[in-house]
Amino acid sequence: MARGIDFRQKEVINVSDGKILGFVIDVDAELTNGAIKSIVVAQVGKLIKSLGGKNNITIPWNNVKLIGEDVILVEI
């Protein structure tokens, strides 16, 4: 079982087109049971601006296809 903290700063790649989407900056989890609902990704080149949240991508957990040591593969 993976923990949300394990995802932070991992690179996220879309398997549909091979594009690098960015890096995980946050995880949205269900408070009652700890299940992960989505990951929040700061787009590449916009990490500094992501603090305001305007350039973030929220990816539902069911779109996460594979979690590796250094990257997370998603399909969006």
N, C-alpha and C. Protein backbone atom coordinates (compact mmCIF):
# COMPACT_ATOMS: atom_id res chain seq x y z
N MET A 1 0.86 -1.18 0.00
CA MET A 1 0.00 0.00 0.00
C MET A 1 0.90 1.23 0.00
N ALA A 2 0.63 2.14 -0.90
CA ALA A 2 1.40 3.38 -1.01
C ALA A 2 0.79 4.44 -0.10
N ARG A 3 1.63 5.33 0.36
CA ARG A 3 1.17 6.46 1.18
C ARG A 3 1.24 7.71 0.32
N GLY A 4 0.36 8.66 0.61
CA GLY A 4 0.33 9.91 -0.14
C GLY A 4 1.66 10.63 -0.14
N ILE A 5 2.36 10.59 0.96
CA ILE A 5 3.64 11.28 1.07
C ILE A 5 4.66 10.68 0.10
N ASP A 6 4.49 9.42 -0.27
CA ASP A 6 5.41 8.76 -1.19
C ASP A 6 5.31 9.33 -2.61
N PHE A 7 4.24 10.03 -2.92
CA PHE A 7 4.03 10.54 -4.27
C PHE A 7 4.62 11.91 -4.49
N ARG A 8 4.88 12.65 -3.45
CA ARG A 8 5.33 14.03 -3.59
C ARG A 8 6.63 14.10 -4.38
N GLN A 9 6.64 15.06 -5.31
CA GLN A 9 7.79 15.34 -6.17
C GLN A 9 8.08 14.25 -7.20
N LYS A 10 7.16 13.32 -7.39
CA LYS A 10 7.34 12.35 -8.47
C LYS A 10 6.86 12.98 -9.77
N GLU A 11 7.56 12.67 -10.85
CA GLU A 11 7.17 13.18 -12.16
C GLU A 11 5.95 12.41 -12.65
N VAL A 12 5.02 13.11 -13.28
CA VAL A 12 3.79 12.50 -13.77
C VAL A 12 3.80 12.56 -15.30
N ILE A 13 3.60 11.40 -15.94
CA ILE A 13 3.61 11.30 -17.40
C ILE A 13 2.29 10.73 -17.87
N ASN A 14 1.73 11.35 -18.93
CA ASN A 14 0.49 10.88 -19.53
C ASN A 14 0.83 9.79 -20.54
N VAL A 15 0.33 8.58 -20.33
CA VAL A 15 0.64 7.47 -21.23
C VAL A 15 -0.08 7.61 -22.57
N SER A 16 -1.10 8.44 -22.65
CA SER A 16 -1.84 8.63 -23.90
C SER A 16 -0.99 9.29 -24.98
N ASP A 17 -0.14 10.26 -24.56
CA ASP A 17 0.67 10.97 -25.54
C ASP A 17 2.15 11.07 -25.16
N GLY A 18 2.53 10.52 -24.01
CA GLY A 18 3.91 10.53 -23.58
C GLY A 18 4.39 11.85 -23.00
N LYS A 19 3.51 12.82 -22.85
CA LYS A 19 3.91 14.14 -22.34
C LYS A 19 4.12 14.11 -20.83
N ILE A 20 5.12 14.88 -20.42
CA ILE A 20 5.37 15.08 -19.00
C ILE A 20 4.38 16.14 -18.53
N LEU A 21 3.55 15.79 -17.57
CA LEU A 21 2.55 16.73 -17.07
C LEU A 21 3.11 17.64 -15.98
N GLY A 22 4.00 17.12 -15.18
CA GLY A 22 4.57 17.89 -14.08
C GLY A 22 4.94 17.01 -12.92
N PHE A 23 4.89 17.59 -11.72
CA PHE A 23 5.27 16.87 -10.51
C PHE A 23 4.15 16.91 -9.49
N VAL A 24 4.00 15.83 -8.74
CA VAL A 24 2.97 15.75 -7.70
C VAL A 24 3.32 16.74 -6.60
N ILE A 25 2.35 17.59 -6.26
CA ILE A 25 2.56 18.54 -5.16
C ILE A 25 1.61 18.29 -3.99
N ASP A 26 0.55 17.50 -4.25
CA ASP A 26 -0.41 17.23 -3.18
C ASP A 26 -1.21 15.98 -3.52
N VAL A 27 -1.84 15.43 -2.52
CA VAL A 27 -2.71 14.26 -2.67
C VAL A 27 -4.01 14.55 -1.94
N ASP A 28 -5.13 14.26 -2.59
CA ASP A 28 -6.44 14.44 -1.98
C ASP A 28 -6.92 13.07 -1.49
N ALA A 29 -7.16 12.96 -0.20
CA ALA A 29 -7.55 11.67 0.38
C ALA A 29 -8.86 11.79 1.15
N GLU A 30 -9.55 10.68 1.23
CA GLU A 30 -10.78 10.58 2.02
C GLU A 30 -10.37 10.55 3.50
N LEU A 31 -10.90 11.46 4.27
CA LEU A 31 -10.49 11.55 5.67
C LEU A 31 -10.95 10.37 6.51
N THR A 32 -12.08 9.79 6.18
CA THR A 32 -12.61 8.70 7.01
C THR A 32 -11.81 7.42 6.92
N ASN A 33 -11.29 7.11 5.72
CA ASN A 33 -10.58 5.84 5.58
C ASN A 33 -9.18 5.97 4.99
N GLY A 34 -8.78 7.19 4.61
CA GLY A 34 -7.44 7.42 4.09
C GLY A 34 -7.24 7.05 2.64
N ALA A 35 -8.32 6.66 1.94
CA ALA A 35 -8.20 6.28 0.54
C ALA A 35 -7.89 7.52 -0.31
N ILE A 36 -6.96 7.36 -1.24
CA ILE A 36 -6.58 8.47 -2.10
C ILE A 36 -7.64 8.68 -3.17
N LYS A 37 -8.11 9.93 -3.32
CA LYS A 37 -9.13 10.27 -4.31
C LYS A 37 -8.51 10.84 -5.58
N SER A 38 -7.43 11.60 -5.44
CA SER A 38 -6.79 12.20 -6.60
C SER A 38 -5.40 12.70 -6.23
N ILE A 39 -4.61 12.98 -7.27
CA ILE A 39 -3.31 13.61 -7.06
C ILE A 39 -3.36 14.98 -7.73
N VAL A 40 -2.61 15.92 -7.16
CA VAL A 40 -2.55 17.27 -7.71
C VAL A 40 -1.15 17.46 -8.27
N VAL A 41 -1.11 17.88 -9.54
CA VAL A 41 0.15 18.00 -10.26
C VAL A 41 0.40 19.45 -10.64
N ALA A 42 1.60 19.95 -10.36
CA ALA A 42 2.02 21.27 -10.82
C ALA A 42 2.60 21.07 -12.21
N GLN A 43 2.07 21.79 -13.19
CA GLN A 43 2.52 21.63 -14.57
C GLN A 43 4.00 21.97 -14.71
N VAL A 44 4.66 21.30 -15.65
CA VAL A 44 6.08 21.52 -15.91
C VAL A 44 6.31 22.98 -16.24
N GLY A 45 7.35 23.56 -15.65
CA GLY A 45 7.71 24.94 -15.90
C GLY A 45 6.89 25.93 -15.11
N LYS A 46 5.92 25.45 -14.35
CA LYS A 46 5.04 26.34 -13.61
C LYS A 46 5.03 26.00 -12.12
N LEU A 47 6.07 25.32 -11.65
CA LEU A 47 6.11 24.87 -10.25
C LEU A 47 6.06 26.05 -9.29
N ILE A 48 6.77 27.12 -9.59
CA ILE A 48 6.78 28.29 -8.70
C ILE A 48 5.40 28.93 -8.66
N LYS A 49 4.74 29.01 -9.81
CA LYS A 49 3.43 29.64 -9.89
C LYS A 49 2.34 28.75 -9.30
N SER A 50 2.63 27.50 -9.07
CA SER A 50 1.61 26.55 -8.62
C SER A 50 1.10 26.84 -7.21
N LEU A 51 1.82 27.65 -6.47
CA LEU A 51 1.39 27.94 -5.11
C LEU A 51 0.00 28.56 -5.10
N GLY A 52 -0.35 29.29 -6.15
CA GLY A 52 -1.68 29.88 -6.25
C GLY A 52 -2.73 28.90 -6.71
N GLY A 53 -2.31 27.77 -7.26
CA GLY A 53 -3.22 26.72 -7.66
C GLY A 53 -3.81 26.85 -9.05
N LYS A 54 -3.51 27.93 -9.77
CA LYS A 54 -4.11 28.16 -11.08
C LYS A 54 -3.58 27.21 -12.15
N ASN A 55 -2.36 26.75 -12.01
CA ASN A 55 -1.73 25.91 -13.02
C ASN A 55 -1.66 24.44 -12.61
N ASN A 56 -2.42 24.07 -11.62
CA ASN A 56 -2.42 22.70 -11.14
C ASN A 56 -3.40 21.85 -11.92
N ILE A 57 -3.08 20.57 -12.06
CA ILE A 57 -3.97 19.60 -12.68
C ILE A 57 -4.37 18.60 -11.59
N THR A 58 -5.65 18.39 -11.41
CA THR A 58 -6.12 17.36 -10.48
C THR A 58 -6.47 16.12 -11.29
N ILE A 59 -5.82 15.02 -10.95
CA ILE A 59 -6.01 13.77 -11.69
C ILE A 59 -6.68 12.76 -10.77
N PRO A 60 -7.88 12.30 -11.15
CA PRO A 60 -8.59 11.31 -10.33
C PRO A 60 -7.76 10.04 -10.16
N TRP A 61 -7.90 9.41 -9.02
CA TRP A 61 -7.12 8.22 -8.69
C TRP A 61 -7.31 7.10 -9.71
N ASN A 62 -8.51 6.97 -10.27
CA ASN A 62 -8.74 5.88 -11.23
C ASN A 62 -8.02 6.12 -12.56
N ASN A 63 -7.44 7.31 -12.76
CA ASN A 63 -6.64 7.58 -13.96
C ASN A 63 -5.16 7.25 -13.75
N VAL A 64 -4.78 6.94 -12.52
CA VAL A 64 -3.40 6.55 -12.24
C VAL A 64 -3.24 5.09 -12.67
N LYS A 65 -2.29 4.86 -13.58
CA LYS A 65 -2.12 3.52 -14.15
C LYS A 65 -0.96 2.75 -13.52
N LEU A 66 0.13 3.45 -13.19
CA LEU A 66 1.30 2.77 -12.65
C LEU A 66 2.11 3.75 -11.81
N ILE A 67 2.57 3.29 -10.67
CA ILE A 67 3.41 4.10 -9.79
C ILE A 67 4.78 3.45 -9.72
N GLY A 68 5.78 4.16 -10.24
CA GLY A 68 7.14 3.66 -10.22
C GLY A 68 7.95 4.33 -9.14
N GLU A 69 9.23 4.03 -9.11
CA GLU A 69 10.12 4.62 -8.12
C GLU A 69 10.28 6.12 -8.31
N ASP A 70 10.33 6.55 -9.58
CA ASP A 70 10.58 7.95 -9.88
C ASP A 70 9.44 8.65 -10.60
N VAL A 71 8.54 7.88 -11.23
CA VAL A 71 7.47 8.49 -12.01
C VAL A 71 6.12 7.83 -11.72
N ILE A 72 5.08 8.57 -12.06
CA ILE A 72 3.71 8.05 -11.99
C ILE A 72 3.13 8.17 -13.39
N LEU A 73 2.61 7.07 -13.91
CA LEU A 73 1.99 7.06 -15.22
C LEU A 73 0.49 7.20 -15.06
N VAL A 74 -0.08 8.15 -15.80
CA VAL A 74 -1.53 8.39 -15.74
C VAL A 74 -2.08 8.37 -17.16
N GLU A 75 -3.38 8.24 -17.26
CA GLU A 75 -4.04 8.31 -18.57
C GLU A 75 -5.15 9.34 -18.48
N ILE A 76 -4.92 10.47 -19.18
CA ILE A 76 -5.94 11.52 -19.22
C ILE A 76 -6.17 11.99 -20.65
